[in-house]
Amino acid sequence: MLGEACLNACFPRVAQVDMLKWILTLVIAIFLLGIIAPHVARFVRFGKLPGDIACRFRGRTYYLPFTTTIIFSLILLLVSRFF
């Protein structure tokens, strides 16, 4: 009861609903990305672009996908501008 009273006092009801909408949107987006990513990976070879670095250290391989990160950032920027 004490935690609920503090939550209601700290955040107005509208802010709580908005926050829940964003959390639900993020969960759905991550879920869809998890389903779509393996299928897209067969056609698009992200992670193996020029500028992506793969280092082997003590028997483990570490990937530093600089170019892939920049491309994904640009795609997300364009999508957010148009929608």
PDB file of N, CA and C in Angstrom:
ATOM      1  N   MET A   1       0.828  -1.196   0.000  1.00  0.00           N
ATOM      2  CA  MET A   1       0.000   0.000   0.000  1.00  0.00           C
ATOM      3  C   MET A   1       0.865   1.250   0.000  1.00  0.00           C
ATOM      4  N   LEU A   2       1.944   1.217   0.770  1.00  0.00           N
ATOM      5  CA  LEU A   2       2.806   2.389   0.861  1.00  0.00           C
ATOM      6  C   LEU A   2       3.464   2.688  -0.488  1.00  0.00           C
ATOM      7  N   GLY A   3       3.933   1.650  -1.198  1.00  0.00           N
ATOM      8  CA  GLY A   3       4.559   1.848  -2.504  1.00  0.00           C
ATOM      9  C   GLY A   3       3.588   2.391  -3.528  1.00  0.00           C
ATOM     10  N   GLU A   4       2.349   1.914  -3.487  1.00  0.00           N
ATOM     11  CA  GLU A   4       1.336   2.386  -4.425  1.00  0.00           C
ATOM     12  C   GLU A   4       0.989   3.850  -4.161  1.00  0.00           C
ATOM     13  N   ALA A   5       0.914   4.232  -2.888  1.00  0.00           N
ATOM     14  CA  ALA A   5       0.614   5.621  -2.543  1.00  0.00           C
ATOM     15  C   ALA A   5       1.728   6.544  -3.025  1.00  0.00           C
ATOM     16  N   CYS A   6       2.960   6.106  -2.885  1.00  0.00           N
ATOM     17  CA  CYS A   6       4.092   6.917  -3.337  1.00  0.00           C
ATOM     18  C   CYS A   6       4.081   7.044  -4.860  1.00  0.00           C
ATOM     19  N   LEU A   7       3.775   5.937  -5.545  1.00  0.00           N
ATOM     20  CA  LEU A   7       3.735   5.966  -7.001  1.00  0.00           C
ATOM     21  C   LEU A   7       2.660   6.915  -7.504  1.00  0.00           C
ATOM     22  N   ASN A   8       1.483   6.869  -6.890  1.00  0.00           N
ATOM     23  CA  ASN A   8       0.397   7.751  -7.310  1.00  0.00           C
ATOM     24  C   ASN A   8       0.697   9.206  -6.973  1.00  0.00           C
ATOM     25  N   ALA A   9       1.406   9.445  -5.882  1.00  0.00           N
ATOM     26  CA  ALA A   9       1.727  10.814  -5.502  1.00  0.00           C
ATOM     27  C   ALA A   9       2.837  11.388  -6.386  1.00  0.00           C
ATOM     28  N   CYS A  10       3.771  10.541  -6.805  1.00  0.00           N
ATOM     29  CA  CYS A  10       4.921  11.015  -7.570  1.00  0.00           C
ATOM     30  C   CYS A  10       4.592  11.233  -9.042  1.00  0.00           C
ATOM     31  N   PHE A  11       3.765  10.361  -9.618  1.00  0.00           N
ATOM     32  CA  PHE A  11       3.447  10.427 -11.041  1.00  0.00           C
ATOM     33  C   PHE A  11       1.946  10.577 -11.234  1.00  0.00           C
ATOM     34  N   PRO A  12       1.527  11.549 -12.003  1.00  0.00           N
ATOM     35  CA  PRO A  12       0.098  11.648 -12.303  1.00  0.00           C
ATOM     36  C   PRO A  12      -0.358  10.464 -13.149  1.00  0.00           C
ATOM     37  N   ARG A  13      -1.626  10.201 -13.162  1.00  0.00           N
ATOM     38  CA  ARG A  13      -2.199   9.054 -13.871  1.00  0.00           C
ATOM     39  C   ARG A  13      -1.886   9.104 -15.369  1.00  0.00           C
ATOM     40  N   VAL A  14      -1.896  10.277 -15.963  1.00  0.00           N
ATOM     41  CA  VAL A  14      -1.618  10.408 -17.398  1.00  0.00           C
ATOM     42  C   VAL A  14      -0.190   9.971 -17.701  1.00  0.00           C
ATOM     43  N   ALA A  15       0.757  10.355 -16.847  1.00  0.00           N
ATOM     44  CA  ALA A  15       2.152   9.974 -17.069  1.00  0.00           C
ATOM     45  C   ALA A  15       2.328   8.465 -16.950  1.00  0.00           C
ATOM     46  N   GLN A  16       1.594   7.844 -16.035  1.00  0.00           N
ATOM     47  CA  GLN A  16       1.685   6.391 -15.883  1.00  0.00           C
ATOM     48  C   GLN A  16       1.181   5.680 -17.137  1.00  0.00           C
ATOM     49  N   VAL A  17       0.079   6.159 -17.682  1.00  0.00           N
ATOM     50  CA  VAL A  17      -0.482   5.548 -18.893  1.00  0.00           C
ATOM     51  C   VAL A  17       0.466   5.742 -20.072  1.00  0.00           C
ATOM     52  N   ASP A  18       1.034   6.927 -20.203  1.00  0.00           N
ATOM     53  CA  ASP A  18       1.991   7.182 -21.281  1.00  0.00           C
ATOM     54  C   ASP A  18       3.214   6.288 -21.153  1.00  0.00           C
ATOM     55  N   MET A  19       3.689   6.111 -19.927  1.00  0.00           N
ATOM     56  CA  MET A  19       4.856   5.271 -19.706  1.00  0.00           C
ATOM     57  C   MET A  19       4.540   3.812 -20.057  1.00  0.00           C
ATOM     58  N   LEU A  20       3.357   3.340 -19.695  1.00  0.00           N
ATOM     59  CA  LEU A  20       2.967   1.972 -20.031  1.00  0.00           C
ATOM     60  C   LEU A  20       2.846   1.779 -21.537  1.00  0.00           C
ATOM     61  N   LYS A  21       2.357   2.795 -22.243  1.00  0.00           N
ATOM     62  CA  LYS A  21       2.272   2.705 -23.705  1.00  0.00           C
ATOM     63  C   LYS A  21       3.660   2.570 -24.323  1.00  0.00           C
ATOM     64  N   TRP A  22       4.626   3.352 -23.830  1.00  0.00           N
ATOM     65  CA  TRP A  22       5.994   3.272 -24.354  1.00  0.00           C
ATOM     66  C   TRP A  22       6.622   1.921 -24.051  1.00  0.00           C
ATOM     67  N   ILE A  23       6.414   1.415 -22.853  1.00  0.00           N
ATOM     68  CA  ILE A  23       6.972   0.104 -22.487  1.00  0.00           C
ATOM     69  C   ILE A  23       6.366  -0.978 -23.373  1.00  0.00           C
ATOM     70  N   LEU A  24       5.063  -0.940 -23.578  1.00  0.00           N
ATOM     71  CA  LEU A  24       4.402  -1.914 -24.444  1.00  0.00           C
ATOM     72  C   LEU A  24       4.916  -1.813 -25.880  1.00  0.00           C
ATOM     73  N   THR A  25       5.106  -0.603 -26.370  1.00  0.00           N
ATOM     74  CA  THR A  25       5.640  -0.398 -27.718  1.00  0.00           C
ATOM     75  C   THR A  25       7.042  -0.982 -27.842  1.00  0.00           C
ATOM     76  N   LEU A  26       7.885  -0.741 -26.844  1.00  0.00           N
ATOM     77  CA  LEU A  26       9.247  -1.285 -26.877  1.00  0.00           C
ATOM     78  C   LEU A  26       9.247  -2.804 -26.827  1.00  0.00           C
ATOM     79  N   VAL A  27       8.406  -3.389 -26.006  1.00  0.00           N
ATOM     80  CA  VAL A  27       8.340  -4.854 -25.911  1.00  0.00           C
ATOM     81  C   VAL A  27       7.905  -5.452 -27.244  1.00  0.00           C
ATOM     82  N   ILE A  28       6.901  -4.869 -27.863  1.00  0.00           N
ATOM     83  CA  ILE A  28       6.425  -5.379 -29.157  1.00  0.00           C
ATOM     84  C   ILE A  28       7.504  -5.212 -30.228  1.00  0.00           C
ATOM     85  N   ALA A  29       8.193  -4.069 -30.235  1.00  0.00           N
ATOM     86  CA  ALA A  29       9.251  -3.834 -31.228  1.00  0.00           C
ATOM     87  C   ALA A  29      10.398  -4.829 -31.060  1.00  0.00           C
ATOM     88  N   ILE A  30      10.814  -5.075 -29.822  1.00  0.00           N
ATOM     89  CA  ILE A  30      11.898  -6.036 -29.577  1.00  0.00           C
ATOM     90  C   ILE A  30      11.461  -7.441 -29.973  1.00  0.00           C
ATOM     91  N   PHE A  31      10.220  -7.793 -29.678  1.00  0.00           N
ATOM     92  CA  PHE A  31       9.697  -9.109 -30.047  1.00  0.00           C
ATOM     93  C   PHE A  31       9.704  -9.282 -31.565  1.00  0.00           C
ATOM     94  N   LEU A  32       9.193  -8.276 -32.291  1.00  0.00           N
ATOM     95  CA  LEU A  32       9.161  -8.363 -33.751  1.00  0.00           C
ATOM     96  C   LEU A  32      10.562  -8.389 -34.350  1.00  0.00           C
ATOM     97  N   LEU A  33      11.463  -7.617 -33.775  1.00  0.00           N
ATOM     98  CA  LEU A  33      12.844  -7.620 -34.258  1.00  0.00           C
ATOM     99  C   LEU A  33      13.483  -8.991 -34.060  1.00  0.00           C
ATOM    100  N   GLY A  34      13.184  -9.636 -32.945  1.00  0.00           N
ATOM    101  CA  GLY A  34      13.715 -10.965 -32.680  1.00  0.00           C
ATOM    102  C   GLY A  34      13.202 -12.001 -33.656  1.00  0.00           C
ATOM    103  N   ILE A  35      11.984 -11.816 -34.121  1.00  0.00           N
ATOM    104  CA  ILE A  35      11.417 -12.753 -35.097  1.00  0.00           C
ATOM    105  C   ILE A  35      11.948 -12.469 -36.496  1.00  0.00           C
ATOM    106  N   ILE A  36      12.052 -11.203 -36.860  1.00  0.00           N
ATOM    107  CA  ILE A  36      12.421 -10.823 -38.227  1.00  0.00           C
ATOM    108  C   ILE A  36      13.928 -10.910 -38.483  1.00  0.00           C
ATOM    109  N   ALA A  37      14.745 -10.622 -37.489  1.00  0.00           N
ATOM    110  CA  ALA A  37      16.197 -10.519 -37.681  1.00  0.00           C
ATOM    111  C   ALA A  37      16.845 -11.769 -38.284  1.00  0.00           C
ATOM    112  N   PRO A  38      16.544 -12.977 -37.807  1.00  0.00           N
ATOM    113  CA  PRO A  38      17.199 -14.146 -38.423  1.00  0.00           C
ATOM    114  C   PRO A  38      16.855 -14.329 -39.901  1.00  0.00           C
ATOM    115  N   HIS A  39      15.639 -13.973 -40.286  1.00  0.00           N
ATOM    116  CA  HIS A  39      15.242 -14.129 -41.687  1.00  0.00           C
ATOM    117  C   HIS A  39      15.918 -13.089 -42.574  1.00  0.00           C
ATOM    118  N   VAL A  40      16.053 -11.880 -42.066  1.00  0.00           N
ATOM    119  CA  VAL A  40      16.720 -10.813 -42.820  1.00  0.00           C
ATOM    120  C   VAL A  40      18.218 -11.087 -42.905  1.00  0.00           C
ATOM    121  N   ALA A  41      18.792 -11.710 -41.887  1.00  0.00           N
ATOM    122  CA  ALA A  41      20.231 -11.972 -41.854  1.00  0.00           C
ATOM    123  C   ALA A  41      20.672 -12.916 -42.973  1.00  0.00           C
ATOM    124  N   ARG A  42      19.754 -13.729 -43.484  1.00  0.00           N
ATOM    125  CA  ARG A  42      20.112 -14.611 -44.598  1.00  0.00           C
ATOM    126  C   ARG A  42      20.400 -13.833 -45.877  1.00  0.00           C
ATOM    127  N   PHE A  43      19.740 -12.691 -46.030  1.00  0.00           N
ATOM    128  CA  PHE A  43      19.879 -11.912 -47.267  1.00  0.00           C
ATOM    129  C   PHE A  43      20.857 -10.757 -47.128  1.00  0.00           C
ATOM    130  N   VAL A  44      20.910 -10.153 -45.970  1.00  0.00           N
ATOM    131  CA  VAL A  44      21.763  -8.988 -45.734  1.00  0.00           C
ATOM    132  C   VAL A  44      22.860  -9.397 -44.769  1.00  0.00           C
ATOM    133  N   ARG A  45      24.092  -9.172 -45.133  1.00  0.00           N
ATOM    134  CA  ARG A  45      25.231  -9.603 -44.324  1.00  0.00           C
ATOM    135  C   ARG A  45      25.752  -8.480 -43.432  1.00  0.00           C
ATOM    136  N   PHE A  46      24.883  -7.945 -42.564  1.00  0.00           N
ATOM    137  CA  PHE A  46      25.350  -6.946 -41.610  1.00  0.00           C
ATOM    138  C   PHE A  46      26.302  -7.607 -40.629  1.00  0.00           C
ATOM    139  N   GLY A  47      27.297  -6.872 -40.193  1.00  0.00           N
ATOM    140  CA  GLY A  47      28.305  -7.422 -39.293  1.00  0.00           C
ATOM    141  C   GLY A  47      29.556  -7.866 -40.033  1.00  0.00           C
ATOM    142  N   LYS A  48      29.468  -7.940 -41.346  1.00  0.00           N
ATOM    143  CA  LYS A  48      30.618  -8.324 -42.170  1.00  0.00           C
ATOM    144  C   LYS A  48      30.914  -7.261 -43.210  1.00  0.00           C
ATOM    145  N   LEU A  49      30.520  -6.035 -42.909  1.00  0.00           N
ATOM    146  CA  LEU A  49      30.760  -4.929 -43.830  1.00  0.00           C
ATOM    147  C   LEU A  49      32.170  -4.386 -43.638  1.00  0.00           C
ATOM    148  N   PRO A  50      32.705  -3.673 -44.638  1.00  0.00           N
ATOM    149  CA  PRO A  50      34.000  -3.032 -44.437  1.00  0.00           C
ATOM    150  C   PRO A  50      33.885  -2.009 -43.300  1.00  0.00           C
ATOM    151  N   GLY A  51      34.783  -2.068 -42.363  1.00  0.00           N
ATOM    152  CA  GLY A  51      34.725  -1.190 -41.197  1.00  0.00           C
ATOM    153  C   GLY A  51      34.274  -1.913 -39.949  1.00  0.00           C
ATOM    154  N   ASP A  52      33.718  -3.114 -40.109  1.00  0.00           N
ATOM    155  CA  ASP A  52      33.375  -3.947 -38.964  1.00  0.00           C
ATOM    156  C   ASP A  52      34.612  -4.759 -38.591  1.00  0.00           C
ATOM    157  N   ILE A  53      34.936  -4.771 -37.318  1.00  0.00           N
ATOM    158  CA  ILE A  53      36.169  -5.396 -36.851  1.00  0.00           C
ATOM    159  C   ILE A  53      35.839  -6.656 -36.062  1.00  0.00           C
ATOM    160  N   ALA A  54      36.583  -7.718 -36.332  1.00  0.00           N
ATOM    161  CA  ALA A  54      36.469  -8.955 -35.563  1.00  0.00           C
ATOM    162  C   ALA A  54      37.848  -9.251 -34.974  1.00  0.00           C
ATOM    163  N   CYS A  55      37.918  -9.319 -33.657  1.00  0.00           N
ATOM    164  CA  CYS A  55      39.182  -9.590 -32.967  1.00  0.00           C
ATOM    165  C   CYS A  55      39.101 -10.934 -32.256  1.00  0.00           C
ATOM    166  N   ARG A  56      40.189 -11.682 -32.336  1.00  0.00           N
ATOM    167  CA  ARG A  56      40.254 -12.940 -31.623  1.00  0.00           C
ATOM    168  C   ARG A  56      41.230 -12.784 -30.471  1.00  0.00           C
ATOM    169  N   PHE A  57      40.763 -13.086 -29.248  1.00  0.00           N
ATOM    170  CA  PHE A  57      41.581 -12.914 -28.058  1.00  0.00           C
ATOM    171  C   PHE A  57      41.315 -14.070 -27.110  1.00  0.00           C
ATOM    172  N   ARG A  58      42.355 -14.828 -26.834  1.00  0.00           N
ATOM    173  CA  ARG A  58      42.277 -15.981 -25.923  1.00  0.00           C
ATOM    174  C   ARG A  58      41.173 -16.962 -26.309  1.00  0.00           C
ATOM    175  N   GLY A  59      41.081 -17.263 -27.579  1.00  0.00           N
ATOM    176  CA  GLY A  59      40.135 -18.264 -28.050  1.00  0.00           C
ATOM    177  C   GLY A  59      38.710 -17.762 -28.239  1.00  0.00           C
ATOM    178  N   ARG A  60      38.464 -16.494 -27.999  1.00  0.00           N
ATOM    179  CA  ARG A  60      37.129 -15.931 -28.185  1.00  0.00           C
ATOM    180  C   ARG A  60      37.171 -14.891 -29.299  1.00  0.00           C
ATOM    181  N   THR A  61      36.078 -14.760 -30.002  1.00  0.00           N
ATOM    182  CA  THR A  61      35.988 -13.776 -31.066  1.00  0.00           C
ATOM    183  C   THR A  61      35.076 -12.640 -30.606  1.00  0.00           C
ATOM    184  N   TYR A  62      35.575 -11.424 -30.709  1.00  0.00           N
ATOM    185  CA  TYR A  62      34.815 -10.238 -30.339  1.00  0.00           C
ATOM    186  C   TYR A  62      34.548  -9.421 -31.598  1.00  0.00           C
ATOM    187  N   TYR A  63      33.284  -9.044 -31.791  1.00  0.00           N
ATOM    188  CA  TYR A  63      32.893  -8.277 -32.962  1.00  0.00           C
ATOM    189  C   TYR A  63      32.645  -6.829 -32.568  1.00  0.00           C
ATOM    190  N   LEU A  64      33.191  -5.913 -33.349  1.00  0.00           N
ATOM    191  CA  LEU A  64      32.976  -4.482 -33.162  1.00  0.00           C
ATOM    192  C   LEU A  64      32.387  -3.940 -34.463  1.00  0.00           C
ATOM    193  N   PRO A  65      31.067  -3.971 -34.592  1.00  0.00           N
ATOM    194  CA  PRO A  65      30.412  -3.613 -35.867  1.00  0.00           C
ATOM    195  C   PRO A  65      30.192  -2.108 -36.018  1.00  0.00           C
ATOM    196  N   PHE A  66      31.268  -1.364 -36.276  1.00  0.00           N
ATOM    197  CA  PHE A  66      31.168   0.088 -36.399  1.00  0.00           C
ATOM    198  C   PHE A  66      30.309   0.508 -37.593  1.00  0.00           C
ATOM    199  N   THR A  67      30.584  -0.022 -38.750  1.00  0.00           N
ATOM    200  CA  THR A  67      29.852   0.362 -39.961  1.00  0.00           C
ATOM    201  C   THR A  67      28.392  -0.061 -39.873  1.00  0.00           C
ATOM    202  N   THR A  68      28.138  -1.247 -39.368  1.00  0.00           N
ATOM    203  CA  THR A  68      26.769  -1.723 -39.220  1.00  0.00           C
ATOM    204  C   THR A  68      25.987  -0.824 -38.274  1.00  0.00           C
ATOM    205  N   THR A  69      26.611  -0.390 -37.186  1.00  0.00           N
ATOM    206  CA  THR A  69      25.952   0.493 -36.229  1.00  0.00           C
ATOM    207  C   THR A  69      25.592   1.829 -36.870  1.00  0.00           C
ATOM    208  N   ILE A  70      26.498   2.368 -37.662  1.00  0.00           N
ATOM    209  CA  ILE A  70      26.227   3.641 -38.337  1.00  0.00           C
ATOM    210  C   ILE A  70      25.077   3.484 -39.330  1.00  0.00           C
ATOM    211  N   ILE A  71      25.066   2.401 -40.086  1.00  0.00           N
ATOM    212  CA  ILE A  71      23.998   2.175 -41.069  1.00  0.00           C
ATOM    213  C   ILE A  71      22.653   2.009 -40.366  1.00  0.00           C
ATOM    214  N   PHE A  72      22.611   1.220 -39.288  1.00  0.00           N
ATOM    215  CA  PHE A  72      21.356   1.060 -38.545  1.00  0.00           C
ATOM    216  C   PHE A  72      20.891   2.382 -37.959  1.00  0.00           C
ATOM    217  N   SER A  73      21.803   3.194 -37.478  1.00  0.00           N
ATOM    218  CA  SER A  73      21.432   4.503 -36.935  1.00  0.00           C
ATOM    219  C   SER A  73      20.832   5.393 -38.014  1.00  0.00           C
ATOM    220  N   LEU A  74      21.420   5.378 -39.194  1.00  0.00           N
ATOM    221  CA  LEU A  74      20.881   6.179 -40.302  1.00  0.00           C
ATOM    222  C   LEU A  74      19.510   5.684 -40.740  1.00  0.00           C
ATOM    223  N   ILE A  75      19.333   4.376 -40.787  1.00  0.00           N
ATOM    224  CA  ILE A  75      18.029   3.817 -41.159  1.00  0.00           C
ATOM    225  C   ILE A  75      16.974   4.221 -40.132  1.00  0.00           C
ATOM    226  N   LEU A  76      17.293   4.090 -38.853  1.00  0.00           N
ATOM    227  CA  LEU A  76      16.345   4.479 -37.810  1.00  0.00           C
ATOM    228  C   LEU A  76      16.044   5.971 -37.846  1.00  0.00           C
ATOM    229  N   LEU A  77      17.048   6.780 -38.157  1.00  0.00           N
ATOM    230  CA  LEU A  77      16.837   8.220 -38.280  1.00  0.00           C
ATOM    231  C   LEU A  77      15.863   8.522 -39.413  1.00  0.00           C
ATOM    232  N   LEU A  78      16.064   7.892 -40.564  1.00  0.00           N
ATOM    233  CA  LEU A  78      15.174   8.116 -41.706  1.00  0.00           C
ATOM    234  C   LEU A  78      13.758   7.631 -41.422  1.00  0.00           C
ATOM    235  N   VAL A  79      13.641   6.477 -40.792  1.00  0.00           N
ATOM    236  CA  VAL A  79      12.316   5.955 -40.461  1.00  0.00           C
ATOM    237  C   VAL A  79      11.603   6.870 -39.486  1.00  0.00           C
ATOM    238  N   SER A  80      12.325   7.377 -38.483  1.00  0.00           N
ATOM    239  CA  SER A  80      11.694   8.253 -37.496  1.00  0.00           C
ATOM    240  C   SER A  80      11.300   9.594 -38.089  1.00  0.00           C
ATOM    241  N   ARG A  81      12.027  10.054 -39.095  1.00  0.00           N
ATOM    242  CA  ARG A  81      11.690  11.338 -39.738  1.00  0.00           C
ATOM    243  C   ARG A  81      10.437  11.233 -40.604  1.00  0.00           C
ATOM    244  N   PHE A  82      10.237  10.064 -41.223  1.00  0.00           N
ATOM    245  CA  PHE A  82       9.101   9.911 -42.126  1.00  0.00           C
ATOM    246  C   PHE A  82       7.830   9.450 -41.437  1.00  0.00           C
ATOM    247  N   PHE A  83       7.953   8.851 -40.259  1.00  0.00           N
ATOM    248  CA  PHE A  83       6.761   8.352 -39.567  1.00  0.00           C
ATOM    249  C   PHE A  83       6.592   9.106 -38.321  1.00  0.00           C
TER     250      PHE A  83
END
